[in-house]
Every structure is written in structure tokens, then in C-alpha cells.
Amino acid sequence: MASAENKKTGFDTPAVVLGGLAAIAFVIALSLFLMGGWNAARNREIAAKIYAADISEESRTLRAEQQGLLAEKVRYLDEEAGRLCMPIEDAMERVVAREQGR
């Protein structure tokens, strides 16, 4: 097979193009590998800071109060405007009952 080498300069164009493409593929693969490692480290850090952190007594008390508010039945947020606050399950039951009543 004849060589693609330029007779005057000795420059092998296909080899340079293939080498360039191989270098580009290597850089892309390396960047994806590094991004994956960075994301894994970030996820471990977030889990350690947020999910595995010791929750203070103040946080537990506040969370219990908020859960209590969510568990309440119907209450007014603004009685003059007629705005109610209720659990979503109760609201869905009311909508279904109203639609079946028609």
C-alpha cells in the first residue's frame, strides 16, 4: 500500500489527523472521569452535612410543631377572605364529594 506521506515534506496527514482525534477523545474521556469523581465527592459531602448531621433539639421541636400544623383539620388562614388551610387528603375528599353530588 502506498504511503500517504508527502514526498516533499515528509508530512503524514492521516497520521496527524488520527492522532489529533485520539487526543480529543482522550481529553473528553478524562474530563468526564474527573467530573464523575467530583460529583461523587460532592454528593458524599452533601449527605454528610445534611442527612447524617446531628439534629438539634430546637430543630426537632420546630419540625414537630410544623408536622402538627400539617396534621390539623380545617382551619382559617384568613377568615375575612375565606381562605382555609387543610391537609391535601381532606381537600381531595371534599372535591370528590362535591363532584359526585352533581
N, C-alpha and C. Protein backbone atom coordinates (compact mmCIF):
# COMPACT_ATOMS: atom_id res chain seq x y z
N MET A 1 0.85 -1.18 0.00
CA MET A 1 0.00 0.00 0.00
C MET A 1 0.89 1.23 0.00
N ALA A 2 0.47 2.21 -0.74
CA ALA A 2 1.28 3.42 -0.87
C ALA A 2 1.14 4.27 0.37
N SER A 3 2.21 4.89 0.78
CA SER A 3 2.20 5.74 1.95
C SER A 3 1.56 7.07 1.62
N ALA A 4 0.82 7.64 2.61
CA ALA A 4 0.18 8.92 2.39
C ALA A 4 1.14 10.06 2.69
N GLU A 5 2.38 9.75 2.91
CA GLU A 5 3.37 10.75 3.27
C GLU A 5 3.64 11.65 2.08
N ASN A 6 3.71 12.94 2.35
CA ASN A 6 4.00 13.91 1.30
C ASN A 6 5.45 13.72 0.89
N LYS A 7 5.68 13.60 -0.40
CA LYS A 7 7.02 13.33 -0.90
C LYS A 7 7.99 14.48 -0.65
N LYS A 8 7.50 15.71 -0.65
CA LYS A 8 8.40 16.85 -0.49
C LYS A 8 8.74 17.13 0.97
N THR A 9 7.72 17.09 1.86
CA THR A 9 7.95 17.50 3.24
C THR A 9 8.07 16.33 4.21
N GLY A 10 7.58 15.17 3.85
CA GLY A 10 7.60 14.04 4.74
C GLY A 10 6.48 14.09 5.78
N PHE A 11 5.47 14.93 5.56
CA PHE A 11 4.35 15.12 6.49
C PHE A 11 3.29 14.06 6.22
N ASP A 12 2.90 13.29 7.23
CA ASP A 12 1.91 12.22 7.10
C ASP A 12 0.56 12.75 7.62
N THR A 13 -0.27 13.27 6.73
CA THR A 13 -1.53 13.92 7.09
C THR A 13 -2.50 12.97 7.80
N PRO A 14 -2.78 11.78 7.30
CA PRO A 14 -3.73 10.91 8.01
C PRO A 14 -3.27 10.56 9.42
N ALA A 15 -1.99 10.39 9.61
CA ALA A 15 -1.49 10.06 10.96
C ALA A 15 -1.69 11.25 11.90
N VAL A 16 -1.49 12.46 11.43
CA VAL A 16 -1.68 13.65 12.26
C VAL A 16 -3.16 13.82 12.60
N VAL A 17 -4.05 13.60 11.64
CA VAL A 17 -5.50 13.73 11.88
C VAL A 17 -5.95 12.67 12.88
N LEU A 18 -5.53 11.44 12.69
CA LEU A 18 -5.91 10.38 13.63
C LEU A 18 -5.33 10.63 15.02
N GLY A 19 -4.12 11.11 15.09
CA GLY A 19 -3.52 11.45 16.39
C GLY A 19 -4.28 12.57 17.08
N GLY A 20 -4.70 13.57 16.31
CA GLY A 20 -5.50 14.67 16.87
C GLY A 20 -6.84 14.20 17.39
N LEU A 21 -7.50 13.33 16.61
CA LEU A 21 -8.79 12.79 17.05
C LEU A 21 -8.64 11.94 18.31
N ALA A 22 -7.56 11.17 18.37
CA ALA A 22 -7.31 10.36 19.56
C ALA A 22 -7.06 11.25 20.77
N ALA A 23 -6.34 12.35 20.58
CA ALA A 23 -6.08 13.28 21.68
C ALA A 23 -7.38 13.93 22.16
N ILE A 24 -8.24 14.30 21.23
CA ILE A 24 -9.52 14.91 21.59
C ILE A 24 -10.38 13.91 22.37
N ALA A 25 -10.43 12.67 21.89
CA ALA A 25 -11.20 11.63 22.59
C ALA A 25 -10.65 11.41 24.00
N PHE A 26 -9.35 11.42 24.15
CA PHE A 26 -8.73 11.24 25.47
C PHE A 26 -9.10 12.38 26.41
N VAL A 27 -9.05 13.61 25.91
CA VAL A 27 -9.38 14.77 26.75
C VAL A 27 -10.84 14.72 27.19
N ILE A 28 -11.73 14.34 26.28
CA ILE A 28 -13.15 14.24 26.62
C ILE A 28 -13.37 13.15 27.67
N ALA A 29 -12.75 12.00 27.48
CA ALA A 29 -12.90 10.90 28.45
C ALA A 29 -12.33 11.29 29.80
N LEU A 30 -11.20 11.96 29.81
CA LEU A 30 -10.59 12.40 31.06
C LEU A 30 -11.48 13.40 31.78
N SER A 31 -12.06 14.35 31.04
CA SER A 31 -12.93 15.34 31.68
C SER A 31 -14.18 14.69 32.26
N LEU A 32 -14.77 13.71 31.55
CA LEU A 32 -15.94 13.00 32.08
C LEU A 32 -15.58 12.21 33.34
N PHE A 33 -14.42 11.58 33.34
CA PHE A 33 -13.96 10.84 34.51
C PHE A 33 -13.78 11.77 35.71
N LEU A 34 -13.16 12.91 35.48
CA LEU A 34 -12.93 13.86 36.58
C LEU A 34 -14.25 14.46 37.09
N MET A 35 -15.17 14.75 36.17
CA MET A 35 -16.48 15.28 36.60
C MET A 35 -17.23 14.26 37.42
N GLY A 36 -17.17 12.99 37.04
CA GLY A 36 -17.84 11.94 37.81
C GLY A 36 -17.27 11.82 39.21
N GLY A 37 -15.95 11.89 39.33
CA GLY A 37 -15.32 11.84 40.65
C GLY A 37 -15.69 13.04 41.50
N TRP A 38 -15.73 14.22 40.87
CA TRP A 38 -16.08 15.43 41.61
C TRP A 38 -17.53 15.36 42.08
N ASN A 39 -18.44 14.90 41.22
CA ASN A 39 -19.85 14.79 41.61
C ASN A 39 -20.04 13.78 42.73
N ALA A 40 -19.32 12.67 42.68
CA ALA A 40 -19.43 11.67 43.74
C ALA A 40 -18.94 12.24 45.07
N ALA A 41 -17.83 12.97 45.05
CA ALA A 41 -17.31 13.59 46.27
C ALA A 41 -18.28 14.64 46.80
N ARG A 42 -18.87 15.42 45.92
CA ARG A 42 -19.83 16.44 46.33
C ARG A 42 -21.07 15.80 46.95
N ASN A 43 -21.56 14.73 46.35
CA ASN A 43 -22.74 14.04 46.89
C ASN A 43 -22.46 13.45 48.27
N ARG A 44 -21.26 12.90 48.45
CA ARG A 44 -20.90 12.37 49.78
C ARG A 44 -20.84 13.49 50.80
N GLU A 45 -20.31 14.65 50.42
CA GLU A 45 -20.22 15.77 51.34
C GLU A 45 -21.60 16.31 51.70
N ILE A 46 -22.47 16.41 50.72
CA ILE A 46 -23.83 16.88 50.99
C ILE A 46 -24.55 15.92 51.93
N ALA A 47 -24.41 14.63 51.67
CA ALA A 47 -25.05 13.64 52.53
C ALA A 47 -24.51 13.74 53.96
N ALA A 48 -23.21 13.95 54.08
CA ALA A 48 -22.62 14.05 55.42
C ALA A 48 -23.09 15.30 56.14
N LYS A 49 -23.24 16.41 55.42
CA LYS A 49 -23.63 17.67 56.05
C LYS A 49 -25.11 17.74 56.35
N ILE A 50 -25.93 17.22 55.46
CA ILE A 50 -27.37 17.41 55.60
C ILE A 50 -28.05 16.21 56.25
N TYR A 51 -27.85 15.04 55.67
CA TYR A 51 -28.63 13.89 56.10
C TYR A 51 -28.09 13.21 57.34
N ALA A 52 -26.78 13.20 57.50
CA ALA A 52 -26.19 12.49 58.62
C ALA A 52 -25.86 13.41 59.79
N ALA A 53 -26.15 14.69 59.64
CA ALA A 53 -25.83 15.64 60.71
C ALA A 53 -26.73 15.41 61.92
N ASP A 54 -26.20 15.65 63.08
CA ASP A 54 -26.98 15.52 64.31
C ASP A 54 -27.98 16.67 64.37
N ILE A 55 -29.24 16.34 64.54
CA ILE A 55 -30.30 17.36 64.56
C ILE A 55 -30.44 17.87 65.98
N SER A 56 -30.47 19.19 66.11
CA SER A 56 -30.57 19.78 67.43
C SER A 56 -31.98 19.64 67.99
N GLU A 57 -32.10 19.84 69.29
CA GLU A 57 -33.41 19.76 69.95
C GLU A 57 -34.34 20.85 69.43
N GLU A 58 -33.78 22.02 69.13
CA GLU A 58 -34.58 23.12 68.60
C GLU A 58 -35.18 22.74 67.24
N SER A 59 -34.37 22.09 66.40
CA SER A 59 -34.86 21.65 65.09
C SER A 59 -35.95 20.60 65.23
N ARG A 60 -35.77 19.68 66.16
CA ARG A 60 -36.79 18.64 66.38
C ARG A 60 -38.10 19.26 66.85
N THR A 61 -38.01 20.23 67.76
CA THR A 61 -39.21 20.89 68.27
C THR A 61 -39.93 21.63 67.15
N LEU A 62 -39.17 22.38 66.34
CA LEU A 62 -39.76 23.13 65.24
C LEU A 62 -40.40 22.20 64.23
N ARG A 63 -39.73 21.10 63.93
CA ARG A 63 -40.28 20.14 62.98
C ARG A 63 -41.57 19.51 63.52
N ALA A 64 -41.61 19.19 64.81
CA ALA A 64 -42.82 18.63 65.41
C ALA A 64 -43.98 19.62 65.35
N GLU A 65 -43.68 20.91 65.60
CA GLU A 65 -44.72 21.94 65.50
C GLU A 65 -45.26 22.03 64.08
N GLN A 66 -44.37 22.01 63.10
CA GLN A 66 -44.79 22.10 61.70
C GLN A 66 -45.60 20.88 61.29
N GLN A 67 -45.18 19.69 61.72
CA GLN A 67 -45.93 18.48 61.42
C GLN A 67 -47.32 18.53 62.07
N GLY A 68 -47.39 19.11 63.28
CA GLY A 68 -48.67 19.26 63.95
C GLY A 68 -49.61 20.18 63.18
N LEU A 69 -49.06 21.27 62.64
CA LEU A 69 -49.88 22.17 61.83
C LEU A 69 -50.39 21.48 60.57
N LEU A 70 -49.53 20.66 59.96
CA LEU A 70 -49.95 19.97 58.74
C LEU A 70 -51.01 18.91 59.03
N ALA A 71 -50.98 18.33 60.19
CA ALA A 71 -51.91 17.26 60.53
C ALA A 71 -53.26 17.79 61.00
N GLU A 72 -53.36 19.09 61.28
CA GLU A 72 -54.62 19.65 61.75
C GLU A 72 -55.69 19.52 60.67
N LYS A 73 -56.91 19.53 61.12
CA LYS A 73 -58.01 19.54 60.17
C LYS A 73 -58.18 20.96 59.65
N VAL A 74 -59.33 21.27 59.17
CA VAL A 74 -59.58 22.56 58.53
C VAL A 74 -59.43 23.70 59.53
N ARG A 75 -58.72 24.75 59.11
CA ARG A 75 -58.62 25.97 59.91
C ARG A 75 -58.52 27.14 58.95
N TYR A 76 -58.88 28.31 59.44
CA TYR A 76 -58.84 29.51 58.60
C TYR A 76 -57.46 30.13 58.62
N LEU A 77 -56.98 30.49 57.43
CA LEU A 77 -55.78 31.32 57.34
C LEU A 77 -56.18 32.78 57.39
N ASP A 78 -57.23 33.10 56.64
CA ASP A 78 -57.78 34.45 56.62
C ASP A 78 -59.29 34.31 56.55
N GLU A 79 -59.94 34.50 57.71
CA GLU A 79 -61.38 34.27 57.78
C GLU A 79 -62.16 35.26 56.93
N GLU A 80 -61.70 36.52 56.87
CA GLU A 80 -62.41 37.54 56.08
C GLU A 80 -62.36 37.21 54.59
N ALA A 81 -61.23 36.71 54.12
CA ALA A 81 -61.10 36.39 52.70
C ALA A 81 -61.61 34.98 52.40
N GLY A 82 -61.91 34.21 53.43
CA GLY A 82 -62.41 32.86 53.24
C GLY A 82 -61.34 31.86 52.86
N ARG A 83 -60.10 32.11 53.26
CA ARG A 83 -59.00 31.20 52.96
C ARG A 83 -58.87 30.15 54.05
N LEU A 84 -58.90 28.90 53.62
CA LEU A 84 -58.79 27.78 54.55
C LEU A 84 -57.45 27.08 54.38
N CYS A 85 -57.06 26.38 55.41
CA CYS A 85 -55.88 25.53 55.37
C CYS A 85 -56.32 24.16 55.83
N MET A 86 -56.01 23.13 55.01
CA MET A 86 -56.39 21.78 55.37
C MET A 86 -55.42 20.80 54.71
N PRO A 87 -55.33 19.60 55.25
CA PRO A 87 -54.49 18.59 54.60
C PRO A 87 -54.99 18.29 53.20
N ILE A 88 -54.08 17.96 52.30
CA ILE A 88 -54.44 17.74 50.90
C ILE A 88 -55.42 16.58 50.74
N GLU A 89 -55.31 15.56 51.60
CA GLU A 89 -56.23 14.44 51.51
C GLU A 89 -57.67 14.89 51.77
N ASP A 90 -57.85 15.77 52.79
CA ASP A 90 -59.19 16.28 53.09
C ASP A 90 -59.71 17.12 51.93
N ALA A 91 -58.85 17.92 51.33
CA ALA A 91 -59.27 18.76 50.21
C ALA A 91 -59.69 17.89 49.02
N MET A 92 -58.95 16.83 48.76
CA MET A 92 -59.31 15.94 47.65
C MET A 92 -60.63 15.25 47.92
N GLU A 93 -60.86 14.83 49.16
CA GLU A 93 -62.13 14.19 49.51
C GLU A 93 -63.29 15.16 49.31
N ARG A 94 -63.10 16.43 49.68
CA ARG A 94 -64.16 17.43 49.50
C ARG A 94 -64.46 17.66 48.03
N VAL A 95 -63.41 17.70 47.20
CA VAL A 95 -63.62 17.92 45.76
C VAL A 95 -64.38 16.74 45.16
N VAL A 96 -63.99 15.52 45.53
CA VAL A 96 -64.66 14.33 45.00
C VAL A 96 -66.11 14.31 45.46
N ALA A 97 -66.36 14.61 46.72
CA ALA A 97 -67.73 14.61 47.24
C ALA A 97 -68.58 15.67 46.52
N ARG A 98 -67.98 16.82 46.26
CA ARG A 98 -68.72 17.89 45.58
C ARG A 98 -69.02 17.48 44.14
N GLU A 99 -68.07 16.84 43.46
CA GLU A 99 -68.28 16.43 42.07
C GLU A 99 -69.29 15.28 41.98
N GLN A 100 -69.31 14.39 42.94
CA GLN A 100 -70.27 13.28 42.93
C GLN A 100 -71.66 13.75 43.28
N GLY A 101 -71.78 14.87 43.97
CA GLY A 101 -73.07 15.41 44.36
C GLY A 101 -73.81 16.04 43.20
N ARG A 102 -73.14 16.29 42.11
CA ARG A 102 -73.80 16.94 40.95
C ARG A 102 -74.64 15.98 40.18
